[in-house]
């Protein structure tokens, strides 16, 4: 058997989300399946970075991307710093692809701006897949983001902590 890859377990919760204990159990099970070993636990981005810099762990593993940060600017800055330190972020679904994350976040920001301009102009009308009018634009936004990312050839699993179904939403 090859040596296990050391990693930092990252857990954080707020509200009614998955408990810290459940996150630890899920991450430990992932580590066992993927030949990693969790050498330390934290819920603080700066501490995780310090632990990677101290070695030997180079991966920081969380249940999902949203555990690292829901603030896209904070997440992208942290990913840059982590990468510069020789580290990488992983989730139970795979590595956090910074290029894809940047693309999704840029597209979401552009769509937010466009939606806000349309709302202010009284032009915002979105439709749910069932054909009924929706009061807000998240489904349209998700459909547009999905279409844009498909053009880039990236696979979208999650946008800002929301998992997308296998079938993209249609506007």
Protein backbone atom coordinates (compact mmCIF):
# COMPACT_ATOMS: atom_id res chain seq x y z
CA UNK A 1 0.00 0.00 0.00
CA UNK A 2 1.28 3.48 -0.90
CA UNK A 3 1.71 6.12 1.77
CA UNK A 4 -1.39 8.11 2.65
CA UNK A 5 -1.51 11.76 1.57
CA UNK A 6 -1.71 14.09 4.57
CA UNK A 7 -4.57 16.61 4.56
CA UNK A 8 -6.21 19.20 6.80
CA UNK A 9 -9.89 18.61 7.60
CA UNK A 10 -11.93 21.82 7.33
CA UNK A 11 -15.28 22.01 9.12
CA UNK A 12 -17.57 24.95 9.66
CA UNK A 13 -21.28 25.34 10.18
CA UNK A 14 -23.95 27.90 10.88
CA UNK A 15 -27.64 27.51 11.52
CA UNK A 16 -29.19 24.13 10.74
CA UNK A 17 -26.46 22.90 8.44
CA UNK A 18 -24.53 19.66 8.76
CA UNK A 19 -23.02 19.42 12.23
CA UNK A 20 -19.26 19.52 12.79
CA UNK A 21 -19.34 15.86 13.91
CA UNK A 22 -21.18 14.81 10.74
CA UNK A 23 -18.75 16.79 8.59
CA UNK A 24 -15.82 15.10 10.32
CA UNK A 25 -17.36 11.66 9.76
CA UNK A 26 -17.97 12.41 6.06
CA UNK A 27 -14.44 13.74 5.58
CA UNK A 28 -12.89 10.76 7.41
CA UNK A 29 -14.86 8.35 5.19
CA UNK A 30 -13.74 10.29 2.08
CA UNK A 31 -10.12 10.18 3.30
CA UNK A 32 -10.29 6.40 3.78
CA UNK A 33 -11.67 5.94 0.24
CA UNK A 34 -9.14 8.23 -1.42
CA UNK A 35 -5.89 7.34 0.39
CA UNK A 36 -5.69 10.54 2.44
CA UNK A 37 -5.13 10.89 6.16
CA UNK A 38 -6.45 13.84 8.14
CA UNK A 39 -3.57 15.24 10.21
CA UNK A 40 -5.37 18.25 11.75
CA UNK A 41 -8.80 19.89 11.93
CA UNK A 42 -9.76 23.55 11.69
CA UNK A 43 -12.64 25.80 10.76
CA UNK A 44 -10.51 28.88 10.12
CA UNK A 45 -9.12 29.73 6.66
CA UNK A 46 -5.98 31.43 8.01
CA UNK A 47 -5.24 28.54 10.33
CA UNK A 48 -5.71 26.06 7.47
CA UNK A 49 -3.24 28.07 5.39
CA UNK A 50 -0.74 28.14 8.28
CA UNK A 51 -1.07 24.36 8.69
CA UNK A 52 -0.35 23.82 4.98
CA UNK A 53 2.66 26.14 5.15
CA UNK A 54 3.96 24.19 8.16
CA UNK A 55 3.57 20.89 6.27
CA UNK A 56 3.39 18.09 5.54
CA UNK A 57 -0.28 18.43 4.47
CA UNK A 58 -0.90 20.15 1.14
CA UNK A 59 -4.65 19.54 0.82
CA UNK A 60 -7.45 21.22 2.77
CA UNK A 61 -10.62 19.12 2.62
CA UNK A 62 -14.19 20.26 3.29
CA UNK A 63 -17.57 18.62 2.75
CA UNK A 64 -18.42 21.21 0.07
CA UNK A 65 -17.07 24.47 -1.33
CA UNK A 66 -19.43 26.61 0.76
CA UNK A 67 -17.73 25.39 3.96
CA UNK A 68 -14.58 27.32 2.94
CA UNK A 69 -16.46 30.59 2.40
CA UNK A 70 -19.73 31.84 0.97
CA UNK A 71 -18.02 35.13 0.08
CA UNK A 72 -16.65 34.67 -3.44
CA UNK A 73 -13.93 37.32 -3.09
CA UNK A 74 -12.69 35.78 0.17
CA UNK A 75 -12.72 32.29 -1.39
CA UNK A 76 -10.80 33.31 -4.52
CA UNK A 77 -8.19 35.25 -2.53
CA UNK A 78 -7.76 32.29 -0.17
CA UNK A 79 -7.45 29.83 -3.07
CA UNK A 80 -4.73 32.04 -4.62
CA UNK A 81 -2.83 32.20 -1.32
CA UNK A 82 -3.27 28.46 -0.71
CA UNK A 83 -1.97 27.65 -4.20
CA UNK A 84 1.03 29.99 -3.73
CA UNK A 85 1.83 28.07 -0.51
CA UNK A 86 1.81 24.79 -2.45
CA UNK A 87 -1.64 23.72 -1.26
CA UNK A 88 -4.97 22.91 -2.83
CA UNK A 89 -8.60 22.78 -1.74
CA UNK A 90 -10.60 19.56 -2.02
CA UNK A 91 -14.24 18.69 -1.39
CA UNK A 92 -15.95 15.34 -1.16
CA UNK A 93 -16.88 15.82 -4.84
CA UNK A 94 -13.32 16.55 -5.95
CA UNK A 95 -10.83 19.40 -6.16
CA UNK A 96 -11.99 23.01 -6.09
CA UNK A 97 -11.11 24.08 -9.63
CA UNK A 98 -10.14 27.71 -9.27
CA UNK A 99 -10.53 28.44 -13.00
CA UNK A 100 -14.07 27.09 -13.02
CA UNK A 101 -14.85 28.83 -9.71
CA UNK A 102 -13.63 32.16 -11.09
CA UNK A 103 -15.70 31.69 -14.26
CA UNK A 104 -18.87 30.83 -12.36
CA UNK A 105 -18.42 33.68 -9.90
CA UNK A 106 -17.73 36.19 -12.70
CA UNK A 107 -20.78 35.02 -14.63
CA UNK A 108 -22.95 35.14 -11.52
CA UNK A 109 -21.78 38.69 -10.79
CA UNK A 110 -22.55 39.76 -14.37
CA UNK A 111 -25.97 38.16 -14.17
CA UNK A 112 -26.66 39.79 -10.80
CA UNK A 113 -25.84 43.19 -12.30
CA UNK A 114 -28.01 42.55 -15.36
CA UNK A 115 -30.88 41.28 -13.21
CA UNK A 116 -30.64 44.32 -10.93
CA UNK A 117 -30.72 46.73 -13.92
CA UNK A 118 -33.73 44.89 -15.33
CA UNK A 119 -35.48 44.90 -11.94
CA UNK A 120 -34.93 48.66 -11.55
CA UNK A 121 -36.27 49.21 -15.07
CA UNK A 122 -39.31 47.06 -14.30
CA UNK A 123 -38.33 44.59 -17.01
CA UNK A 124 -37.49 41.54 -14.88
CA UNK A 125 -39.74 38.60 -15.67
CA UNK A 126 -38.43 35.09 -15.18
CA UNK A 127 -40.08 31.75 -15.68
CA UNK A 128 -39.80 28.52 -13.78
CA UNK A 129 -39.22 25.28 -15.73
CA UNK A 130 -42.91 24.47 -15.23
CA UNK A 131 -43.75 27.57 -17.25
CA UNK A 132 -45.11 29.61 -14.34
CA UNK A 133 -43.74 33.08 -13.73
CA UNK A 134 -41.18 33.36 -10.94
CA UNK A 135 -40.89 36.42 -8.73
CA UNK A 136 -37.09 36.41 -8.88
CA UNK A 137 -34.42 35.31 -11.32
CA UNK A 138 -32.36 32.50 -9.79
CA UNK A 139 -33.59 29.84 -12.21
CA UNK A 140 -32.94 32.06 -15.22
CA UNK A 141 -29.57 32.95 -13.73
CA UNK A 142 -28.70 29.28 -13.24
CA UNK A 143 -29.77 28.44 -16.79
CA UNK A 144 -27.65 31.24 -18.24
CA UNK A 145 -24.65 30.32 -16.08
CA UNK A 146 -25.02 26.66 -17.10
CA UNK A 147 -25.12 27.57 -20.81
CA UNK A 148 -22.10 29.87 -20.51
CA UNK A 149 -20.01 27.33 -18.64
CA UNK A 150 -20.97 24.53 -21.06
CA UNK A 151 -19.45 26.68 -23.82
CA UNK A 152 -16.21 26.71 -21.84
CA UNK A 153 -16.27 22.94 -21.45
CA UNK A 154 -16.32 22.95 -17.65
CA UNK A 155 -18.67 20.80 -15.60
CA UNK A 156 -20.85 22.68 -13.13
CA UNK A 157 -21.85 20.78 -10.01
CA UNK A 158 -22.52 23.65 -7.64
CA UNK A 159 -23.01 27.42 -7.78
CA UNK A 160 -22.53 29.39 -4.54
CA UNK A 161 -23.37 26.37 -2.39
CA UNK A 162 -26.42 25.33 -4.42
CA UNK A 163 -26.14 21.96 -6.13
CA UNK A 164 -27.38 21.85 -9.69
CA UNK A 165 -29.40 18.87 -10.86
CA UNK A 166 -28.19 16.70 -13.73
CA UNK A 167 -30.70 18.49 -15.93
CA UNK A 168 -29.96 22.22 -16.24
CA UNK A 169 -32.81 24.61 -15.44
CA UNK A 170 -34.41 26.13 -18.50
CA UNK A 171 -35.45 29.73 -18.83
